[in-house]
Amino acid sequence: VISALVQDAVLPVTGLKFDARHRRFALMLNRFRWED
């Protein structure tokens, strides 16, 4: 479900963040609103 909703999302490479201490990977996306 999430994969379908983020399909064709665009993001700058600077929007990829890995917090090794908290074991968390985050992405800031501009996603197309497939649900709309």
PDB file of all heavy atoms in Angstrom:
ATOM      1  N   VAL A   1       0.840  -1.203   0.000  1.00  0.00           N
ATOM      2  CA  VAL A   1       0.000   0.000   0.000  1.00  0.00           C
ATOM      3  C   VAL A   1       0.872   1.249   0.000  1.00  0.00           C
ATOM      4  O   VAL A   1       0.683   2.157  -0.820  1.00  0.00           O
ATOM      5  CB  VAL A   1      -0.961   0.002   1.216  1.00  0.00           C
ATOM      6  CG1 VAL A   1      -1.717   1.324   1.310  1.00  0.00           C
ATOM      7  CG2 VAL A   1      -1.927  -1.171   1.136  1.00  0.00           C
ATOM      8  N   ILE A   2       1.846   1.290   0.898  1.00  0.00           N
ATOM      9  CA  ILE A   2       2.724   2.458   0.960  1.00  0.00           C
ATOM     10  C   ILE A   2       3.534   2.574  -0.319  1.00  0.00           C
ATOM     11  O   ILE A   2       3.706   3.668  -0.865  1.00  0.00           O
ATOM     12  CB  ILE A   2       3.619   2.415   2.214  1.00  0.00           C
ATOM     13  CG1 ILE A   2       2.746   2.600   3.462  1.00  0.00           C
ATOM     14  CG2 ILE A   2       4.706   3.484   2.146  1.00  0.00           C
ATOM     15  CD1 ILE A   2       3.490   2.563   4.772  1.00  0.00           C
ATOM     16  N   SER A   3       4.014   1.464  -0.851  1.00  0.00           N
ATOM     17  CA  SER A   3       4.779   1.486  -2.092  1.00  0.00           C
ATOM     18  C   SER A   3       3.964   2.101  -3.233  1.00  0.00           C
ATOM     19  O   SER A   3       4.476   2.913  -4.008  1.00  0.00           O
ATOM     20  CB  SER A   3       5.240   0.084  -2.472  1.00  0.00           C
ATOM     21  OG  SER A   3       5.988   0.104  -3.672  1.00  0.00           O
ATOM     22  N   ALA A   4       2.695   1.727  -3.324  1.00  0.00           N
ATOM     23  CA  ALA A   4       1.834   2.288  -4.375  1.00  0.00           C
ATOM     24  C   ALA A   4       1.640   3.787  -4.189  1.00  0.00           C
ATOM     25  O   ALA A   4       1.603   4.544  -5.167  1.00  0.00           O
ATOM     26  CB  ALA A   4       0.488   1.579  -4.383  1.00  0.00           C
ATOM     27  N   LEU A   5       1.544   4.236  -2.957  1.00  0.00           N
ATOM     28  CA  LEU A   5       1.316   5.659  -2.687  1.00  0.00           C
ATOM     29  C   LEU A   5       2.558   6.522  -2.909  1.00  0.00           C
ATOM     30  O   LEU A   5       2.439   7.712  -3.186  1.00  0.00           O
ATOM     31  CB  LEU A   5       0.797   5.852  -1.269  1.00  0.00           C
ATOM     32  CG  LEU A   5      -0.623   5.362  -1.038  1.00  0.00           C
ATOM     33  CD1 LEU A   5      -0.932   5.275   0.449  1.00  0.00           C
ATOM     34  CD2 LEU A   5      -1.626   6.250  -1.759  1.00  0.00           C
ATOM     35  N   VAL A   6       3.753   5.942  -2.775  1.00  0.00           N
ATOM     36  CA  VAL A   6       4.977   6.721  -2.984  1.00  0.00           C
ATOM     37  C   VAL A   6       5.572   6.512  -4.378  1.00  0.00           C
ATOM     38  O   VAL A   6       6.615   7.084  -4.694  1.00  0.00           O
ATOM     39  CB  VAL A   6       6.047   6.455  -1.896  1.00  0.00           C
ATOM     40  CG1 VAL A   6       5.525   6.846  -0.530  1.00  0.00           C
ATOM     41  CG2 VAL A   6       6.530   5.019  -1.923  1.00  0.00           C
ATOM     42  N   GLN A   7       4.908   5.706  -5.202  1.00  0.00           N
ATOM     43  CA  GLN A   7       5.401   5.516  -6.570  1.00  0.00           C
ATOM     44  C   GLN A   7       5.492   6.867  -7.260  1.00  0.00           C
ATOM     45  O   GLN A   7       4.572   7.676  -7.192  1.00  0.00           O
ATOM     46  CB  GLN A   7       4.476   4.595  -7.355  1.00  0.00           C
ATOM     47  CG  GLN A   7       4.958   4.362  -8.767  1.00  0.00           C
ATOM     48  CD  GLN A   7       4.025   3.451  -9.553  1.00  0.00           C
ATOM     49  OE1 GLN A   7       3.097   2.872  -9.015  1.00  0.00           O
ATOM     50  NE2 GLN A   7       4.279   3.361 -10.830  1.00  0.00           N
ATOM     51  N   ASP A   8       6.610   7.121  -7.892  1.00  0.00           N
ATOM     52  CA  ASP A   8       6.886   8.355  -8.628  1.00  0.00           C
ATOM     53  C   ASP A   8       7.104   9.563  -7.726  1.00  0.00           C
ATOM     54  O   ASP A   8       7.059  10.699  -8.189  1.00  0.00           O
ATOM     55  CB  ASP A   8       5.793   8.651  -9.663  1.00  0.00           C
ATOM     56  CG  ASP A   8       5.707   7.555 -10.706  1.00  0.00           C
ATOM     57  OD1 ASP A   8       6.742   7.261 -11.329  1.00  0.00           O
ATOM     58  OD2 ASP A   8       4.624   6.958 -10.860  1.00  0.00           O
ATOM     59  N   ALA A   9       7.347   9.328  -6.440  1.00  0.00           N
ATOM     60  CA  ALA A   9       7.737  10.431  -5.560  1.00  0.00           C
ATOM     61  C   ALA A   9       9.124  10.895  -5.976  1.00  0.00           C
ATOM     62  O   ALA A   9       9.959  10.094  -6.407  1.00  0.00           O
ATOM     63  CB  ALA A   9       7.744   9.973  -4.105  1.00  0.00           C
ATOM     64  N   VAL A  10       9.365  12.185  -5.863  1.00  0.00           N
ATOM     65  CA  VAL A  10      10.678  12.731  -6.165  1.00  0.00           C
ATOM     66  C   VAL A  10      11.263  13.315  -4.888  1.00  0.00           C
ATOM     67  O   VAL A  10      10.528  13.781  -4.008  1.00  0.00           O
ATOM     68  CB  VAL A  10      10.633  13.793  -7.294  1.00  0.00           C
ATOM     69  CG1 VAL A  10      10.270  13.144  -8.612  1.00  0.00           C
ATOM     70  CG2 VAL A  10       9.681  14.912  -6.964  1.00  0.00           C
ATOM     71  N   LEU A  11      12.585  13.264  -4.804  1.00  0.00           N
ATOM     72  CA  LEU A  11      13.262  13.768  -3.620  1.00  0.00           C
ATOM     73  C   LEU A  11      14.679  14.146  -3.951  1.00  0.00           C
ATOM     74  O   LEU A  11      15.323  13.501  -4.788  1.00  0.00           O
ATOM     75  CB  LEU A  11      13.250  12.725  -2.499  1.00  0.00           C
ATOM     76  CG  LEU A  11      14.043  11.442  -2.725  1.00  0.00           C
ATOM     77  CD1 LEU A  11      14.548  10.925  -1.391  1.00  0.00           C
ATOM     78  CD2 LEU A  11      13.187  10.394  -3.389  1.00  0.00           C
ATOM     79  N   PRO A  12      15.175  15.189  -3.313  1.00  0.00           N
ATOM     80  CA  PRO A  12      16.591  15.506  -3.498  1.00  0.00           C
ATOM     81  C   PRO A  12      17.426  14.486  -2.740  1.00  0.00           C
ATOM     82  O   PRO A  12      16.993  13.953  -1.712  1.00  0.00           O
ATOM     83  CB  PRO A  12      16.719  16.904  -2.887  1.00  0.00           C
ATOM     84  CG  PRO A  12      15.625  16.976  -1.872  1.00  0.00           C
ATOM     85  CD  PRO A  12      14.504  16.124  -2.421  1.00  0.00           C
ATOM     86  N   VAL A  13      18.611  14.215  -3.247  1.00  0.00           N
ATOM     87  CA  VAL A  13      19.489  13.259  -2.562  1.00  0.00           C
ATOM     88  C   VAL A  13      19.781  13.751  -1.143  1.00  0.00           C
ATOM     89  O   VAL A  13      20.005  12.951  -0.234  1.00  0.00           O
ATOM     90  CB  VAL A  13      20.776  12.998  -3.381  1.00  0.00           C
ATOM     91  CG1 VAL A  13      21.730  14.175  -3.312  1.00  0.00           C
ATOM     92  CG2 VAL A  13      21.451  11.714  -2.951  1.00  0.00           C
ATOM     93  N   THR A  14      19.712  15.054  -0.926  1.00  0.00           N
ATOM     94  CA  THR A  14      19.911  15.606   0.421  1.00  0.00           C
ATOM     95  C   THR A  14      18.744  15.280   1.345  1.00  0.00           C
ATOM     96  O   THR A  14      18.837  15.483   2.554  1.00  0.00           O
ATOM     97  CB  THR A  14      20.101  17.136   0.356  1.00  0.00           C
ATOM     98  OG1 THR A  14      18.968  17.713  -0.304  1.00  0.00           O
ATOM     99  CG2 THR A  14      21.383  17.504  -0.380  1.00  0.00           C
ATOM    100  N   GLY A  15      17.646  14.753   0.801  1.00  0.00           N
ATOM    101  CA  GLY A  15      16.489  14.360   1.594  1.00  0.00           C
ATOM    102  C   GLY A  15      16.590  12.951   2.153  1.00  0.00           C
ATOM    103  O   GLY A  15      15.633  12.450   2.740  1.00  0.00           O
ATOM    104  N   LEU A  16      17.739  12.296   1.965  1.00  0.00           N
ATOM    105  CA  LEU A  16      18.001  10.959   2.523  1.00  0.00           C
ATOM    106  C   LEU A  16      18.816  11.132   3.800  1.00  0.00           C
ATOM    107  O   LEU A  16      19.886  11.732   3.759  1.00  0.00           O
ATOM    108  CB  LEU A  16      18.810  10.106   1.549  1.00  0.00           C
ATOM    109  CG  LEU A  16      18.237   9.846   0.166  1.00  0.00           C
ATOM    110  CD1 LEU A  16      19.277   9.155  -0.711  1.00  0.00           C
ATOM    111  CD2 LEU A  16      16.976   9.027   0.261  1.00  0.00           C
ATOM    112  N   LYS A  17      18.318  10.623   4.906  1.00  0.00           N
ATOM    113  CA  LYS A  17      19.035  10.755   6.183  1.00  0.00           C
ATOM    114  C   LYS A  17      19.047   9.430   6.920  1.00  0.00           C
ATOM    115  O   LYS A  17      18.004   8.813   7.123  1.00  0.00           O
ATOM    116  CB  LYS A  17      18.363  11.804   7.079  1.00  0.00           C
ATOM    117  CG  LYS A  17      18.269  13.187   6.472  1.00  0.00           C
ATOM    118  CD  LYS A  17      19.620  13.826   6.327  1.00  0.00           C
ATOM    119  CE  LYS A  17      19.444  15.230   5.748  1.00  0.00           C
ATOM    120  NZ  LYS A  17      20.602  15.752   5.129  1.00  0.00           N
ATOM    121  N   PHE A  18      20.254   9.005   7.350  1.00  0.00           N
ATOM    122  CA  PHE A  18      20.383   7.802   8.162  1.00  0.00           C
ATOM    123  C   PHE A  18      20.913   8.204   9.526  1.00  0.00           C
ATOM    124  O   PHE A  18      22.012   8.755   9.646  1.00  0.00           O
ATOM    125  CB  PHE A  18      21.308   6.790   7.499  1.00  0.00           C
ATOM    126  CG  PHE A  18      21.506   5.527   8.307  1.00  0.00           C
ATOM    127  CD1 PHE A  18      20.432   4.858   8.868  1.00  0.00           C
ATOM    128  CD2 PHE A  18      22.760   4.992   8.485  1.00  0.00           C
ATOM    129  CE1 PHE A  18      20.598   3.693   9.612  1.00  0.00           C
ATOM    130  CE2 PHE A  18      22.953   3.818   9.203  1.00  0.00           C
ATOM    131  CZ  PHE A  18      21.869   3.176   9.775  1.00  0.00           C
ATOM    132  N   ASP A  19      20.137   7.938  10.561  1.00  0.00           N
ATOM    133  CA  ASP A  19      20.533   8.174  11.942  1.00  0.00           C
ATOM    134  C   ASP A  19      20.944   6.816  12.504  1.00  0.00           C
ATOM    135  O   ASP A  19      20.101   6.042  12.975  1.00  0.00           O
ATOM    136  CB  ASP A  19      19.353   8.771  12.707  1.00  0.00           C
ATOM    137  CG  ASP A  19      19.656   9.031  14.177  1.00  0.00           C
ATOM    138  OD1 ASP A  19      20.707   8.577  14.681  1.00  0.00           O
ATOM    139  OD2 ASP A  19      18.825   9.685  14.833  1.00  0.00           O
ATOM    140  N   ALA A  20      22.245   6.513  12.414  1.00  0.00           N
ATOM    141  CA  ALA A  20      22.747   5.194  12.824  1.00  0.00           C
ATOM    142  C   ALA A  20      22.532   4.955  14.319  1.00  0.00           C
ATOM    143  O   ALA A  20      22.240   3.826  14.726  1.00  0.00           O
ATOM    144  CB  ALA A  20      24.224   5.068  12.472  1.00  0.00           C
ATOM    145  N   ARG A  21      22.658   5.988  15.109  1.00  0.00           N
ATOM    146  CA  ARG A  21      22.498   5.837  16.561  1.00  0.00           C
ATOM    147  C   ARG A  21      21.096   5.350  16.916  1.00  0.00           C
ATOM    148  O   ARG A  21      20.925   4.493  17.778  1.00  0.00           O
ATOM    149  CB  ARG A  21      22.787   7.163  17.250  1.00  0.00           C
ATOM    150  CG  ARG A  21      22.702   7.093  18.739  1.00  0.00           C
ATOM    151  CD  ARG A  21      23.234   8.376  19.373  1.00  0.00           C
ATOM    152  NE  ARG A  21      22.956   8.356  20.777  1.00  0.00           N
ATOM    153  CZ  ARG A  21      22.124   9.190  21.391  1.00  0.00           C
ATOM    154  NH1 ARG A  21      21.519  10.137  20.713  1.00  0.00           N
ATOM    155  NH2 ARG A  21      21.927   9.093  22.680  1.00  0.00           N
ATOM    156  N   HIS A  22      20.089   5.904  16.249  1.00  0.00           N
ATOM    157  CA  HIS A  22      18.701   5.511  16.517  1.00  0.00           C
ATOM    158  C   HIS A  22      18.184   4.473  15.525  1.00  0.00           C
ATOM    159  O   HIS A  22      17.001   4.115  15.568  1.00  0.00           O
ATOM    160  CB  HIS A  22      17.791   6.745  16.512  1.00  0.00           C
ATOM    161  CG  HIS A  22      18.071   7.676  17.637  1.00  0.00           C
ATOM    162  ND1 HIS A  22      18.801   8.836  17.485  1.00  0.00           N
ATOM    163  CD2 HIS A  22      17.764   7.586  18.951  1.00  0.00           C
ATOM    164  CE1 HIS A  22      18.903   9.436  18.643  1.00  0.00           C
ATOM    165  NE2 HIS A  22      18.290   8.706  19.555  1.00  0.00           N
ATOM    166  N   ARG A  23      19.065   4.042  14.617  1.00  0.00           N
ATOM    167  CA  ARG A  23      18.745   3.016  13.610  1.00  0.00           C
ATOM    168  C   ARG A  23      17.498   3.408  12.806  1.00  0.00           C
ATOM    169  O   ARG A  23      16.580   2.622  12.623  1.00  0.00           O
ATOM    170  CB  ARG A  23      18.569   1.652  14.275  1.00  0.00           C
ATOM    171  CG  ARG A  23      19.833   1.191  14.934  1.00  0.00           C
ATOM    172  CD  ARG A  23      19.783  -0.118  15.634  1.00  0.00           C
ATOM    173  NE  ARG A  23      18.538  -0.832  15.614  1.00  0.00           N
ATOM    174  CZ  ARG A  23      18.442  -2.143  15.698  1.00  0.00           C
ATOM    175  NH1 ARG A  23      19.510  -2.883  15.762  1.00  0.00           N
ATOM    176  NH2 ARG A  23      17.269  -2.728  15.717  1.00  0.00           N
ATOM    177  N   ARG A  24      17.518   4.629  12.296  1.00  0.00           N
ATOM    178  CA  ARG A  24      16.362   5.180  11.590  1.00  0.00           C
ATOM    179  C   ARG A  24      16.829   5.797  10.266  1.00  0.00           C
ATOM    180  O   ARG A  24      17.783   6.564  10.233  1.00  0.00           O
ATOM    181  CB  ARG A  24      15.715   6.249  12.466  1.00  0.00           C
ATOM    182  CG  ARG A  24      14.486   6.877  11.910  1.00  0.00           C
ATOM    183  CD  ARG A  24      13.867   7.840  12.911  1.00  0.00           C
ATOM    184  NE  ARG A  24      13.440   7.104  14.099  1.00  0.00           N
ATOM    185  CZ  ARG A  24      13.710   7.493  15.358  1.00  0.00           C
ATOM    186  NH1 ARG A  24      14.374   8.590  15.594  1.00  0.00           N
ATOM    187  NH2 ARG A  24      13.274   6.766  16.361  1.00  0.00           N
ATOM    188  N   PHE A  25      16.118   5.438   9.194  1.00  0.00           N
ATOM    189  CA  PHE A  25      16.391   5.999   7.866  1.00  0.00           C
ATOM    190  C   PHE A  25      15.158   6.798   7.451  1.00  0.00           C
ATOM    191  O   PHE A  25      14.035   6.273   7.496  1.00  0.00           O
ATOM    192  CB  PHE A  25      16.666   4.886   6.852  1.00  0.00           C
ATOM    193  CG  PHE A  25      17.106   5.377   5.509  1.00  0.00           C
ATOM    194  CD1 PHE A  25      18.418   5.759   5.285  1.00  0.00           C
ATOM    195  CD2 PHE A  25      16.206   5.459   4.462  1.00  0.00           C
ATOM    196  CE1 PHE A  25      18.830   6.212   4.038  1.00  0.00           C
ATOM    197  CE2 PHE A  25      16.601   5.907   3.218  1.00  0.00           C
ATOM    198  CZ  PHE A  25      17.918   6.286   3.005  1.00  0.00           C
ATOM    199  N   ALA A  26      15.361   8.053   7.052  1.00  0.00           N
ATOM    200  CA  ALA A  26      14.235   8.913   6.691  1.00  0.00           C
ATOM    201  C   ALA A  26      14.435   9.506   5.305  1.00  0.00           C
ATOM    202  O   ALA A  26      15.563   9.768   4.880  1.00  0.00           O
ATOM    203  CB  ALA A  26      14.085  10.035   7.716  1.00  0.00           C
ATOM    204  N   LEU A  27      13.316   9.697   4.623  1.00  0.00           N
ATOM    205  CA  LEU A  27      13.308  10.314   3.294  1.00  0.00           C
ATOM    206  C   LEU A  27      12.248  11.413   3.290  1.00  0.00           C
ATOM    207  O   LEU A  27      11.129  11.208   3.742  1.00  0.00           O
ATOM    208  CB  LEU A  27      12.910   9.309   2.207  1.00  0.00           C
ATOM    209  CG  LEU A  27      13.695   8.028   2.066  1.00  0.00           C
ATOM    210  CD1 LEU A  27      13.126   6.944   2.939  1.00  0.00           C
ATOM    211  CD2 LEU A  27      13.670   7.579   0.633  1.00  0.00           C
ATOM    212  N   MET A  28      12.610  12.589   2.766  1.00  0.00           N
ATOM    213  CA  MET A  28      11.654  13.676   2.573  1.00  0.00           C
ATOM    214  C   MET A  28      11.221  13.630   1.115  1.00  0.00           C
ATOM    215  O   MET A  28      12.025  13.857   0.210  1.00  0.00           O
ATOM    216  CB  MET A  28      12.287  15.023   2.904  1.00  0.00           C
ATOM    217  CG  MET A  28      11.353  16.186   2.678  1.00  0.00           C
ATOM    218  SD  MET A  28       9.834  16.162   3.647  1.00  0.00           S
ATOM    219  CE  MET A  28      10.416  16.745   5.210  1.00  0.00           C
ATOM    220  N   LEU A  29       9.966  13.271   0.873  1.00  0.00           N
ATOM    221  CA  LEU A  29       9.443  13.016  -0.472  1.00  0.00           C
ATOM    222  C   LEU A  29       8.476  14.102  -0.928  1.00  0.00           C
ATOM    223  O   LEU A  29       7.769  14.696  -0.114  1.00  0.00           O
ATOM    224  CB  LEU A  29       8.657  11.701  -0.485  1.00  0.00           C
ATOM    225  CG  LEU A  29       9.317  10.447   0.053  1.00  0.00           C
ATOM    226  CD1 LEU A  29       8.279   9.357   0.259  1.00  0.00           C
ATOM    227  CD2 LEU A  29      10.386   9.995  -0.895  1.00  0.00           C
ATOM    228  N   ASN A  30       8.411  14.295  -2.232  1.00  0.00           N
ATOM    229  CA  ASN A  30       7.332  15.038  -2.868  1.00  0.00           C
ATOM    230  C   ASN A  30       6.555  13.981  -3.638  1.00  0.00           C
ATOM    231  O   ASN A  30       6.954  13.580  -4.723  1.00  0.00           O
ATOM    232  CB  ASN A  30       7.878  16.098  -3.830  1.00  0.00           C
ATOM    233  CG  ASN A  30       8.664  17.156  -3.099  1.00  0.00           C
ATOM    234  OD1 ASN A  30       8.163  17.790  -2.191  1.00  0.00           O
ATOM    235  ND2 ASN A  30       9.919  17.327  -3.479  1.00  0.00           N
ATOM    236  N   ARG A  31       5.465  13.500  -3.041  1.00  0.00           N
ATOM    237  CA  ARG A  31       4.779  12.372  -3.652  1.00  0.00           C
ATOM    238  C   ARG A  31       3.543  12.819  -4.426  1.00  0.00           C
ATOM    239  O   ARG A  31       2.845  13.754  -4.037  1.00  0.00           O
ATOM    240  CB  ARG A  31       4.423  11.298  -2.632  1.00  0.00           C
ATOM    241  CG  ARG A  31       3.363  11.630  -1.665  1.00  0.00           C
ATOM    242  CD  ARG A  31       2.951  10.425  -0.801  1.00  0.00           C
ATOM    243  NE  ARG A  31       1.775  10.787  -0.059  1.00  0.00           N
ATOM    244  CZ  ARG A  31       0.538  10.697  -0.528  1.00  0.00           C
ATOM    245  NH1 ARG A  31       0.307  10.188  -1.722  1.00  0.00           N
ATOM    246  NH2 ARG A  31      -0.484  11.097   0.188  1.00  0.00           N
ATOM    247  N   PHE A  32       3.312  12.128  -5.541  1.00  0.00           N
ATOM    248  CA  PHE A  32       2.098  12.329  -6.321  1.00  0.00           C
ATOM    249  C   PHE A  32       0.942  11.766  -5.500  1.00  0.00           C
ATOM    250  O   PHE A  32       1.059  10.688  -4.921  1.00  0.00           O
ATOM    251  CB  PHE A  32       2.206  11.606  -7.667  1.00  0.00           C
ATOM    252  CG  PHE A  32       1.037  11.848  -8.573  1.00  0.00           C
ATOM    253  CD1 PHE A  32       0.965  12.998  -9.335  1.00  0.00           C
ATOM    254  CD2 PHE A  32      -0.007  10.940  -8.641  1.00  0.00           C
ATOM    255  CE1 PHE A  32      -0.126  13.237 -10.162  1.00  0.00           C
ATOM    256  CE2 PHE A  32      -1.103  11.161  -9.463  1.00  0.00           C
ATOM    257  CZ  PHE A  32      -1.159  12.319 -10.227  1.00  0.00           C
ATOM    258  N   ARG A  33      -0.176  12.467  -5.463  1.00  0.00           N
ATOM    259  CA  ARG A  33      -1.331  12.012  -4.671  1.00  0.00           C
ATOM    260  C   ARG A  33      -2.180  11.051  -5.499  1.00  0.00           C
ATOM    261  O   ARG A  33      -3.229  11.398  -6.030  1.00  0.00           O
ATOM    262  CB  ARG A  33      -2.163  13.199  -4.193  1.00  0.00           C
ATOM    263  CG  ARG A  33      -1.428  14.033  -3.145  1.00  0.00           C
ATOM    264  CD  ARG A  33      -2.312  15.082  -2.510  1.00  0.00           C
ATOM    265  NE  ARG A  33      -3.303  14.421  -1.667  1.00  0.00           N
ATOM    266  CZ  ARG A  33      -4.603  14.679  -1.702  1.00  0.00           C
ATOM    267  NH1 ARG A  33      -5.104  15.558  -2.532  1.00  0.00           N
ATOM    268  NH2 ARG A  33      -5.431  14.042  -0.904  1.00  0.00           N
ATOM    269  N   TRP A  34      -1.716   9.803  -5.568  1.00  0.00           N
ATOM    270  CA  TRP A  34      -2.447   8.778  -6.323  1.00  0.00           C
ATOM    271  C   TRP A  34      -3.860   8.599  -5.792  1.00  0.00           C
ATOM    272  O   TRP A  34      -4.787   8.306  -6.559  1.00  0.00           O
ATOM    273  CB  TRP A  34      -1.688   7.452  -6.281  1.00  0.00           C
ATOM    274  CG  TRP A  34      -0.436   7.474  -7.080  1.00  0.00           C
ATOM    275  CD1 TRP A  34       0.848   7.541  -6.602  1.00  0.00           C
ATOM    276  CD2 TRP A  34      -0.327   7.456  -8.502  1.00  0.00           C
ATOM    277  NE1 TRP A  34       1.740   7.567  -7.642  1.00  0.00           N
ATOM    278  CE2 TRP A  34       1.044   7.507  -8.825  1.00  0.00           C
ATOM    279  CE3 TRP A  34      -1.248   7.401  -9.550  1.00  0.00           C
ATOM    280  CZ2 TRP A  34       1.510   7.500 -10.126  1.00  0.00           C
ATOM    281  CZ3 TRP A  34      -0.780   7.397 -10.855  1.00  0.00           C
ATOM    282  CH2 TRP A  34       0.580   7.443 -11.127  1.00  0.00           C
ATOM    283  N   GLU A  35      -4.041   8.754  -4.499  1.00  0.00           N
ATOM    284  CA  GLU A  35      -5.353   8.563  -3.894  1.00  0.00           C
ATOM    285  C   GLU A  35      -6.363   9.628  -4.335  1.00  0.00           C
ATOM    286  O   GLU A  35      -7.567   9.484  -4.119  1.00  0.00           O
ATOM    287  CB  GLU A  35      -5.244   8.525  -2.359  1.00  0.00           C
ATOM    288  CG  GLU A  35      -4.918   9.863  -1.700  1.00  0.00           C
ATOM    289  CD  GLU A  35      -3.444  10.215  -1.643  1.00  0.00           C
ATOM    290  OE1 GLU A  35      -2.632   9.624  -2.398  1.00  0.00           O
ATOM    291  OE2 GLU A  35      -3.083  11.101  -0.848  1.00  0.00           O
ATOM    292  N   ASP A  36      -5.883  10.701  -4.969  1.00  0.00           N
ATOM    293  CA  ASP A  36      -6.751  11.805  -5.404  1.00  0.00           C
ATOM    294  C   ASP A  36      -6.882  11.882  -6.927  1.00  0.00           C
ATOM    295  O   ASP A  36      -7.643  12.699  -7.437  1.00  0.00           O
ATOM    296  CB  ASP A  36      -6.187  13.127  -4.863  1.00  0.00           C
ATOM    297  CG  ASP A  36      -7.066  14.313  -5.170  1.00  0.00           C
ATOM    298  OD1 ASP A  36      -8.229  14.312  -4.736  1.00  0.00           O
ATOM    299  OD2 ASP A  36      -6.588  15.236  -5.859  1.00  0.00           O
TER     300      ASP A  36
END
